[in-house]
N, C-alpha and C. Protein backbone atom coordinates (compact mmCIF):
# COMPACT_ATOMS: atom_id res chain seq x y z
N MET A 1 63.72 176.13 62.55
CA MET A 1 62.99 175.43 61.52
C MET A 1 63.99 174.89 60.49
N LEU A 2 63.82 173.63 60.10
CA LEU A 2 64.72 173.01 59.15
C LEU A 2 64.13 173.06 57.76
N ILE A 3 64.95 173.37 56.77
CA ILE A 3 64.50 173.36 55.38
C ILE A 3 65.40 172.39 54.65
N SER A 4 64.81 171.40 54.03
CA SER A 4 65.57 170.37 53.34
C SER A 4 66.18 170.92 52.07
N THR A 5 67.37 170.45 51.75
CA THR A 5 68.01 170.86 50.50
C THR A 5 67.30 170.25 49.31
N THR A 6 66.44 169.24 49.53
CA THR A 6 65.72 168.65 48.41
C THR A 6 64.73 169.64 47.82
N ILE A 7 64.31 170.61 48.59
CA ILE A 7 63.39 171.63 48.06
C ILE A 7 64.06 172.38 46.92
N CYS A 8 65.34 172.67 47.05
CA CYS A 8 66.06 173.41 46.02
C CYS A 8 66.47 172.53 44.85
N ALA A 9 66.35 171.21 44.99
CA ALA A 9 66.78 170.30 43.93
C ALA A 9 65.73 170.15 42.84
N VAL A 10 64.56 170.71 43.05
CA VAL A 10 63.49 170.62 42.07
C VAL A 10 63.62 171.77 41.10
N ARG A 11 63.15 171.62 39.92
CA ARG A 11 63.22 172.65 38.89
C ARG A 11 63.38 174.04 39.48
N HIS A 12 64.49 174.66 39.18
CA HIS A 12 64.82 175.96 39.77
C HIS A 12 64.07 177.08 39.08
N THR A 13 62.89 177.39 39.60
CA THR A 13 62.17 178.57 39.15
C THR A 13 61.83 179.36 40.39
N PRO A 14 61.73 180.65 40.28
CA PRO A 14 61.40 181.44 41.47
C PRO A 14 60.08 181.01 42.10
N TRP A 15 59.10 180.63 41.28
CA TRP A 15 57.80 180.26 41.82
C TRP A 15 57.86 178.94 42.57
N THR A 16 58.58 177.95 42.04
CA THR A 16 58.69 176.66 42.71
C THR A 16 59.33 176.82 44.07
N LEU A 17 60.43 177.54 44.13
CA LEU A 17 61.12 177.75 45.39
C LEU A 17 60.25 178.55 46.36
N ALA A 18 59.57 179.56 45.88
CA ALA A 18 58.73 180.38 46.74
C ALA A 18 57.58 179.56 47.33
N VAL A 19 56.95 178.74 46.50
CA VAL A 19 55.83 177.91 46.99
C VAL A 19 56.34 176.90 48.01
N ALA A 20 57.46 176.26 47.74
CA ALA A 20 58.02 175.28 48.67
C ALA A 20 58.36 175.93 50.01
N LEU A 21 59.00 177.08 49.97
CA LEU A 21 59.36 177.77 51.21
C LEU A 21 58.12 178.21 51.97
N MET A 22 57.09 178.63 51.24
CA MET A 22 55.84 179.04 51.88
C MET A 22 55.18 177.85 52.57
N LEU A 23 55.17 176.69 51.91
CA LEU A 23 54.58 175.49 52.51
C LEU A 23 55.24 175.16 53.83
N VAL A 24 56.55 175.22 53.87
CA VAL A 24 57.28 174.88 55.08
C VAL A 24 57.10 175.94 56.15
N SER A 25 57.27 177.21 55.79
CA SER A 25 57.25 178.25 56.81
C SER A 25 55.86 178.55 57.34
N CYS A 26 54.85 178.47 56.52
CA CYS A 26 53.50 178.82 56.96
C CYS A 26 52.81 177.68 57.69
N SER A 27 53.22 176.46 57.44
CA SER A 27 52.50 175.32 58.00
C SER A 27 52.92 174.99 59.43
N GLY A 28 54.09 175.45 59.85
CA GLY A 28 54.61 175.06 61.15
C GLY A 28 55.14 173.64 61.15
N LEU A 29 55.22 173.03 59.97
CA LEU A 29 55.73 171.67 59.83
C LEU A 29 57.19 171.72 59.43
N ASN A 30 57.92 170.68 59.78
CA ASN A 30 59.31 170.55 59.38
C ASN A 30 59.44 169.52 58.27
N THR A 31 60.45 169.68 57.44
CA THR A 31 60.73 168.68 56.42
C THR A 31 61.03 167.37 57.13
N LEU A 32 60.33 166.32 56.73
CA LEU A 32 60.46 165.02 57.38
C LEU A 32 61.72 164.31 56.91
N THR A 33 62.50 163.83 57.86
CA THR A 33 63.68 163.03 57.57
C THR A 33 63.51 161.67 58.23
N PRO A 34 64.22 160.66 57.74
CA PRO A 34 64.14 159.36 58.41
C PRO A 34 64.53 159.44 59.89
N ALA A 35 65.55 160.22 60.21
CA ALA A 35 65.97 160.35 61.61
C ALA A 35 64.87 160.96 62.46
N MET A 36 64.18 161.97 61.93
CA MET A 36 63.09 162.62 62.65
C MET A 36 61.96 161.63 62.92
N LEU A 37 61.59 160.86 61.91
CA LEU A 37 60.52 159.87 62.05
C LEU A 37 60.93 158.78 63.04
N ASN A 38 62.13 158.28 62.92
CA ASN A 38 62.60 157.22 63.82
C ASN A 38 62.65 157.69 65.26
N GLU A 39 63.09 158.92 65.50
CA GLU A 39 63.15 159.46 66.86
C GLU A 39 61.74 159.61 67.45
N ALA A 40 60.81 160.11 66.66
CA ALA A 40 59.43 160.25 67.13
C ALA A 40 58.83 158.89 67.46
N GLU A 41 59.06 157.93 66.59
CA GLU A 41 58.51 156.59 66.82
C GLU A 41 59.16 155.92 68.03
N ARG A 42 60.47 156.16 68.23
CA ARG A 42 61.16 155.62 69.41
C ARG A 42 60.53 156.18 70.68
N LYS A 43 60.27 157.49 70.71
CA LYS A 43 59.63 158.11 71.88
C LYS A 43 58.23 157.52 72.10
N TRP A 44 57.48 157.39 71.02
CA TRP A 44 56.12 156.85 71.11
C TRP A 44 56.15 155.44 71.69
N ASN A 45 57.01 154.58 71.15
CA ASN A 45 57.07 153.19 71.61
C ASN A 45 57.58 153.06 73.03
N ALA A 46 58.38 154.00 73.50
CA ALA A 46 58.95 153.93 74.84
C ALA A 46 57.89 154.11 75.93
N ASP A 47 56.84 154.85 75.64
CA ASP A 47 55.88 155.15 76.70
C ASP A 47 54.46 155.32 76.16
N LYS A 48 54.11 154.57 75.12
CA LYS A 48 52.77 154.74 74.56
C LYS A 48 51.71 154.19 75.50
N PRO A 49 50.59 154.88 75.59
CA PRO A 49 49.52 154.39 76.45
C PRO A 49 48.87 153.16 75.83
N ALA A 50 48.44 152.23 76.67
CA ALA A 50 47.76 151.03 76.17
C ALA A 50 46.38 151.37 75.64
N SER A 51 45.77 152.40 76.22
CA SER A 51 44.43 152.80 75.81
C SER A 51 44.37 154.30 75.59
N TYR A 52 43.74 154.69 74.49
CA TYR A 52 43.61 156.12 74.18
C TYR A 52 42.50 156.32 73.16
N GLY A 53 42.08 157.55 73.06
CA GLY A 53 41.13 157.96 72.03
C GLY A 53 41.74 159.09 71.25
N MET A 54 41.44 159.15 69.96
CA MET A 54 41.93 160.26 69.16
C MET A 54 41.00 160.52 67.99
N VAL A 55 41.05 161.75 67.51
CA VAL A 55 40.30 162.15 66.33
C VAL A 55 41.32 162.59 65.30
N VAL A 56 41.23 161.99 64.11
CA VAL A 56 42.18 162.24 63.04
C VAL A 56 41.43 162.78 61.83
N SER A 57 41.92 163.89 61.29
CA SER A 57 41.37 164.47 60.07
C SER A 57 42.29 164.10 58.91
N MET A 58 41.69 163.63 57.81
CA MET A 58 42.45 163.30 56.60
C MET A 58 41.78 163.95 55.41
N GLU A 59 42.60 164.59 54.57
CA GLU A 59 42.08 165.16 53.34
C GLU A 59 43.22 165.31 52.34
N GLY A 60 42.86 165.49 51.10
CA GLY A 60 43.88 165.66 50.07
C GLY A 60 43.25 165.91 48.73
N ASP A 61 44.12 166.06 47.72
CA ASP A 61 43.64 166.32 46.37
C ASP A 61 42.80 165.17 45.83
N ARG A 62 43.12 163.95 46.24
CA ARG A 62 42.43 162.76 45.73
C ARG A 62 41.62 162.04 46.80
N VAL A 63 41.45 162.70 47.94
CA VAL A 63 40.73 162.11 49.07
C VAL A 63 39.79 163.16 49.64
N GLU A 64 38.53 162.79 49.80
CA GLU A 64 37.59 163.72 50.43
C GLU A 64 37.96 163.90 51.89
N LYS A 65 37.64 165.06 52.44
CA LYS A 65 37.93 165.31 53.85
C LYS A 65 37.09 164.39 54.70
N GLU A 66 37.77 163.68 55.60
CA GLU A 66 37.09 162.77 56.50
C GLU A 66 37.69 162.91 57.89
N GLU A 67 36.86 162.62 58.87
CA GLU A 67 37.31 162.67 60.25
C GLU A 67 37.09 161.30 60.87
N PHE A 68 38.14 160.76 61.49
CA PHE A 68 38.09 159.43 62.08
C PHE A 68 38.21 159.56 63.59
N ASP A 69 37.25 158.96 64.30
CA ASP A 69 37.26 158.91 65.75
C ASP A 69 37.67 157.48 66.12
N VAL A 70 38.82 157.35 66.78
CA VAL A 70 39.43 156.06 67.03
C VAL A 70 39.53 155.82 68.53
N GLU A 71 39.10 154.65 68.97
CA GLU A 71 39.27 154.24 70.37
C GLU A 71 40.18 153.02 70.39
N VAL A 72 41.23 153.09 71.19
CA VAL A 72 42.19 152.00 71.32
C VAL A 72 42.17 151.53 72.77
N VAL A 73 41.96 150.23 72.98
CA VAL A 73 41.96 149.64 74.31
C VAL A 73 42.95 148.48 74.30
N ARG A 74 43.88 148.53 75.24
CA ARG A 74 44.94 147.51 75.35
C ARG A 74 45.65 147.29 74.01
N GLY A 75 45.91 148.39 73.31
CA GLY A 75 46.68 148.34 72.07
C GLY A 75 45.90 147.96 70.83
N MET A 76 44.60 147.69 70.95
CA MET A 76 43.78 147.28 69.80
C MET A 76 42.68 148.31 69.55
N VAL A 77 42.42 148.61 68.28
CA VAL A 77 41.32 149.51 67.94
C VAL A 77 40.02 148.77 68.24
N THR A 78 39.20 149.37 69.10
CA THR A 78 37.92 148.75 69.47
C THR A 78 36.74 149.45 68.81
N THR A 79 36.90 150.72 68.49
CA THR A 79 35.83 151.48 67.84
C THR A 79 36.45 152.41 66.82
N LEU A 80 35.84 152.46 65.64
CA LEU A 80 36.29 153.37 64.59
C LEU A 80 35.05 154.00 63.96
N ARG A 81 35.01 155.31 63.97
CA ARG A 81 33.92 156.05 63.33
C ARG A 81 34.51 156.95 62.26
N ARG A 82 33.89 156.95 61.09
CA ARG A 82 34.28 157.85 60.00
C ARG A 82 33.14 158.83 59.81
N ASN A 83 33.46 160.10 60.03
CA ASN A 83 32.46 161.17 59.94
C ASN A 83 31.23 160.84 60.77
N GLY A 84 31.46 160.28 61.96
CA GLY A 84 30.38 159.99 62.91
C GLY A 84 29.72 158.64 62.72
N GLU A 85 29.97 157.95 61.62
CA GLU A 85 29.35 156.66 61.33
C GLU A 85 30.28 155.52 61.74
N LEU A 86 29.73 154.54 62.44
CA LEU A 86 30.49 153.38 62.86
C LEU A 86 30.99 152.61 61.63
N VAL A 87 32.26 152.21 61.67
CA VAL A 87 32.89 151.50 60.56
C VAL A 87 33.29 150.11 61.04
N LYS A 88 33.16 149.11 60.15
CA LYS A 88 33.62 147.76 60.50
C LYS A 88 35.12 147.83 60.79
N LEU A 89 35.58 146.97 61.66
CA LEU A 89 36.95 147.04 62.13
C LEU A 89 37.98 146.33 61.25
N ASN A 90 37.65 146.04 59.99
CA ASN A 90 38.65 145.49 59.07
C ASN A 90 39.73 146.54 58.86
N ASN A 91 40.97 146.18 59.09
CA ASN A 91 42.11 147.09 58.93
C ASN A 91 42.02 148.34 59.81
N ALA A 92 41.30 148.27 60.89
CA ALA A 92 41.14 149.43 61.78
C ALA A 92 42.46 149.84 62.42
N GLU A 93 43.39 148.89 62.56
CA GLU A 93 44.67 149.21 63.18
C GLU A 93 45.41 150.28 62.39
N ASP A 94 45.10 150.41 61.09
CA ASP A 94 45.71 151.45 60.27
C ASP A 94 45.43 152.85 60.81
N TYR A 95 44.38 153.00 61.60
CA TYR A 95 43.98 154.31 62.11
C TYR A 95 44.46 154.56 63.53
N SER A 96 45.20 153.62 64.11
CA SER A 96 45.80 153.83 65.42
C SER A 96 47.06 154.68 65.23
N MET A 97 47.67 155.12 66.32
CA MET A 97 48.90 155.89 66.20
C MET A 97 50.00 155.03 65.57
N ASP A 98 50.06 153.76 65.95
CA ASP A 98 51.04 152.86 65.33
C ASP A 98 50.79 152.75 63.82
N GLY A 99 49.52 152.69 63.45
CA GLY A 99 49.16 152.62 62.03
C GLY A 99 49.57 153.87 61.28
N LEU A 100 49.45 155.04 61.92
CA LEU A 100 49.88 156.28 61.28
C LEU A 100 51.39 156.30 61.07
N PHE A 101 52.14 155.77 62.03
CA PHE A 101 53.59 155.66 61.84
C PHE A 101 53.91 154.75 60.65
N THR A 102 53.20 153.63 60.53
CA THR A 102 53.42 152.72 59.40
C THR A 102 53.11 153.43 58.09
N LEU A 103 52.01 154.17 58.05
CA LEU A 103 51.63 154.91 56.85
C LEU A 103 52.74 155.88 56.44
N ILE A 104 53.31 156.60 57.40
CA ILE A 104 54.33 157.59 57.08
C ILE A 104 55.62 156.90 56.61
N HIS A 105 55.98 155.77 57.21
CA HIS A 105 57.13 155.01 56.71
C HIS A 105 56.89 154.60 55.25
N ASN A 106 55.68 154.14 54.95
CA ASN A 106 55.34 153.77 53.56
C ASN A 106 55.43 154.97 52.63
N GLU A 107 54.95 156.11 53.08
CA GLU A 107 55.02 157.34 52.28
C GLU A 107 56.47 157.71 51.98
N MET A 108 57.35 157.55 52.97
CA MET A 108 58.76 157.86 52.76
C MET A 108 59.36 156.95 51.69
N ASP A 109 58.97 155.68 51.70
CA ASP A 109 59.45 154.75 50.66
C ASP A 109 58.92 155.16 49.29
N LEU A 110 57.65 155.52 49.20
CA LEU A 110 57.06 155.94 47.93
C LEU A 110 57.69 157.22 47.41
N ALA A 111 58.04 158.12 48.32
CA ALA A 111 58.60 159.42 47.92
C ALA A 111 59.96 159.30 47.25
N LYS A 112 60.61 158.15 47.38
CA LYS A 112 61.91 157.93 46.72
C LYS A 112 61.76 157.88 45.21
N ASP A 113 60.54 157.58 44.72
CA ASP A 113 60.27 157.49 43.29
C ASP A 113 58.96 158.21 42.97
N PRO A 114 58.94 159.54 43.09
CA PRO A 114 57.67 160.27 42.94
C PRO A 114 57.07 160.18 41.54
N VAL A 115 57.88 159.96 40.53
CA VAL A 115 57.35 159.86 39.16
C VAL A 115 56.48 158.63 39.03
N ASN A 116 56.99 157.46 39.44
CA ASN A 116 56.23 156.22 39.30
C ASN A 116 55.24 155.95 40.42
N LYS A 117 55.51 156.46 41.60
CA LYS A 117 54.65 156.17 42.76
C LYS A 117 53.55 157.20 42.99
N PHE A 118 53.83 158.48 42.65
CA PHE A 118 52.84 159.53 42.88
C PHE A 118 52.37 160.19 41.59
N GLY A 119 52.95 159.81 40.44
CA GLY A 119 52.55 160.39 39.17
C GLY A 119 53.14 161.76 38.89
N ALA A 120 54.22 162.11 39.56
CA ALA A 120 54.85 163.42 39.35
C ALA A 120 55.53 163.46 37.98
N PRO A 121 55.54 164.63 37.33
CA PRO A 121 56.31 164.76 36.10
C PRO A 121 57.81 164.56 36.38
N ALA A 122 58.54 164.14 35.37
CA ALA A 122 59.99 163.94 35.53
C ALA A 122 60.64 165.22 36.05
N GLY A 123 61.55 165.06 36.99
CA GLY A 123 62.28 166.20 37.55
C GLY A 123 61.64 166.80 38.78
N TYR A 124 60.47 166.33 39.14
CA TYR A 124 59.79 166.86 40.33
C TYR A 124 59.96 165.88 41.49
N THR A 125 59.67 166.34 42.67
CA THR A 125 59.86 165.52 43.86
C THR A 125 58.63 165.61 44.76
N ALA A 126 58.64 164.78 45.78
CA ALA A 126 57.59 164.81 46.80
C ALA A 126 58.16 165.48 48.04
N TYR A 127 57.36 166.32 48.67
CA TYR A 127 57.75 167.03 49.89
C TYR A 127 56.97 166.41 51.04
N LEU A 128 57.68 165.84 52.00
CA LEU A 128 57.05 165.26 53.17
C LEU A 128 57.38 166.15 54.36
N MET A 129 56.34 166.55 55.07
CA MET A 129 56.51 167.45 56.21
C MET A 129 55.71 166.90 57.39
N ALA A 130 56.21 167.12 58.59
CA ALA A 130 55.52 166.59 59.76
C ALA A 130 55.85 167.40 61.01
N ARG A 131 55.02 167.18 62.00
CA ARG A 131 55.26 167.72 63.34
C ARG A 131 54.84 166.63 64.33
N PHE A 132 55.70 166.35 65.28
CA PHE A 132 55.44 165.35 66.30
C PHE A 132 55.48 166.01 67.67
N ASP A 133 54.79 165.42 68.64
CA ASP A 133 54.83 165.91 70.01
C ASP A 133 56.24 165.69 70.54
N SER A 134 56.85 166.74 71.08
CA SER A 134 58.25 166.66 71.50
C SER A 134 58.44 165.71 72.68
N GLY A 135 57.43 165.52 73.49
CA GLY A 135 57.57 164.63 74.65
C GLY A 135 57.24 163.18 74.33
N SER A 136 56.05 162.95 73.79
CA SER A 136 55.58 161.58 73.57
C SER A 136 55.95 161.02 72.20
N GLY A 137 56.32 161.88 71.27
CA GLY A 137 56.64 161.43 69.92
C GLY A 137 55.42 161.20 69.04
N ARG A 138 54.21 161.29 69.60
CA ARG A 138 53.02 161.01 68.79
C ARG A 138 52.88 162.02 67.66
N LEU A 139 52.28 161.58 66.57
CA LEU A 139 52.07 162.44 65.41
C LEU A 139 51.07 163.54 65.75
N LEU A 140 51.39 164.74 65.33
CA LEU A 140 50.46 165.86 65.43
C LEU A 140 49.92 166.23 64.05
N HIS A 141 50.82 166.24 63.05
CA HIS A 141 50.41 166.69 61.71
C HIS A 141 51.39 166.14 60.67
N TYR A 142 50.86 165.66 59.57
CA TYR A 142 51.68 165.16 58.46
C TYR A 142 51.10 165.70 57.15
N ARG A 143 51.99 166.09 56.26
CA ARG A 143 51.54 166.58 54.95
C ARG A 143 52.49 166.10 53.87
N ARG A 144 51.90 165.62 52.77
CA ARG A 144 52.67 165.28 51.58
C ARG A 144 52.18 166.16 50.43
N ALA A 145 53.12 166.82 49.76
CA ALA A 145 52.81 167.57 48.55
C ALA A 145 53.75 167.06 47.47
N VAL A 146 53.25 166.95 46.25
CA VAL A 146 54.05 166.43 45.15
C VAL A 146 54.16 167.52 44.10
N GLY A 147 55.39 167.85 43.73
CA GLY A 147 55.62 168.89 42.74
C GLY A 147 55.08 168.50 41.37
N GLY A 148 54.49 169.46 40.67
CA GLY A 148 54.03 169.27 39.31
C GLY A 148 52.72 168.54 39.14
N ILE A 149 52.06 168.16 40.24
CA ILE A 149 50.81 167.41 40.15
C ILE A 149 49.99 167.64 41.42
N ASN A 150 48.69 167.52 41.31
CA ASN A 150 47.81 167.62 42.48
C ASN A 150 47.68 166.23 43.10
N ASN A 151 48.54 165.94 44.05
CA ASN A 151 48.52 164.65 44.73
C ASN A 151 49.02 164.85 46.16
N SER A 152 48.26 165.59 46.94
CA SER A 152 48.65 165.88 48.31
C SER A 152 47.79 165.08 49.28
N ILE A 153 48.30 164.97 50.50
CA ILE A 153 47.53 164.38 51.58
C ILE A 153 47.87 165.17 52.84
N ASP A 154 46.90 165.37 53.69
CA ASP A 154 47.09 166.11 54.93
C ASP A 154 46.41 165.31 56.04
N ILE A 155 47.19 164.93 57.05
CA ILE A 155 46.68 164.15 58.17
C ILE A 155 46.99 164.93 59.44
N GLU A 156 45.96 165.22 60.21
CA GLU A 156 46.16 165.97 61.44
C GLU A 156 45.42 165.28 62.58
N VAL A 157 46.12 165.08 63.69
CA VAL A 157 45.50 164.53 64.89
C VAL A 157 44.89 165.72 65.63
N LEU A 158 43.58 165.80 65.59
CA LEU A 158 42.87 166.93 66.17
C LEU A 158 42.73 166.83 67.68
N ARG A 159 42.65 165.58 68.17
CA ARG A 159 42.47 165.37 69.61
C ARG A 159 43.12 164.04 69.97
N PHE A 160 43.77 164.01 71.11
CA PHE A 160 44.38 162.78 71.62
C PHE A 160 44.22 162.77 73.13
N GLU A 161 43.65 161.68 73.66
CA GLU A 161 43.45 161.56 75.10
C GLU A 161 43.81 160.17 75.57
N LYS A 162 44.71 160.10 76.56
CA LYS A 162 45.00 158.82 77.19
C LYS A 162 43.76 158.37 77.94
N ARG A 163 43.55 157.07 77.99
CA ARG A 163 42.41 156.50 78.70
C ARG A 163 42.94 155.58 79.81
N LEU A 164 42.18 155.48 80.88
CA LEU A 164 42.49 154.51 81.92
C LEU A 164 42.13 153.13 81.41
N GLU A 165 42.87 152.14 81.87
CA GLU A 165 42.56 150.76 81.51
C GLU A 165 41.19 150.40 82.07
N PRO A 166 40.39 149.66 81.30
CA PRO A 166 39.11 149.20 81.84
C PRO A 166 39.32 148.40 83.13
N GLY A 167 38.52 148.67 84.11
CA GLY A 167 38.60 147.96 85.38
C GLY A 167 39.59 148.57 86.35
N LYS A 168 40.21 149.68 85.97
CA LYS A 168 41.17 150.32 86.89
C LYS A 168 40.60 151.60 87.44
């Protein structure tokens, strides 16, 4: 398990360090690095299925818990349900696996300035943690926690199934 040195760069109090270490060790997630994200995305792009279904859970301090059921056919989102209700397909690609990779890249950019981008008090940082499938590179779980403020997000892929191409 990797522990980022950025965890220790935040206000040195026993409680801050203890909470950060607990988040990493108890979650089964690793501290996210650009190299880790790029390697996972490289694996995903090398052999991603054209069609698949997945269920994604999203929740956080500022977001109600929601579950998204996503169907992708030939690389395009064809059906999106939020908490069982059909959703219009505007920006539906954001909920595909490719969209989740884009979201995490954006989160990494925002985490460079947690005070202005996430509302963290001065001297605090954002902790980005993730777990990817070792074979396919697809996202399994992503979590962002921001020191000194309640501004977390938790994204977990609950189910992922490759689909056969229509007509095959």
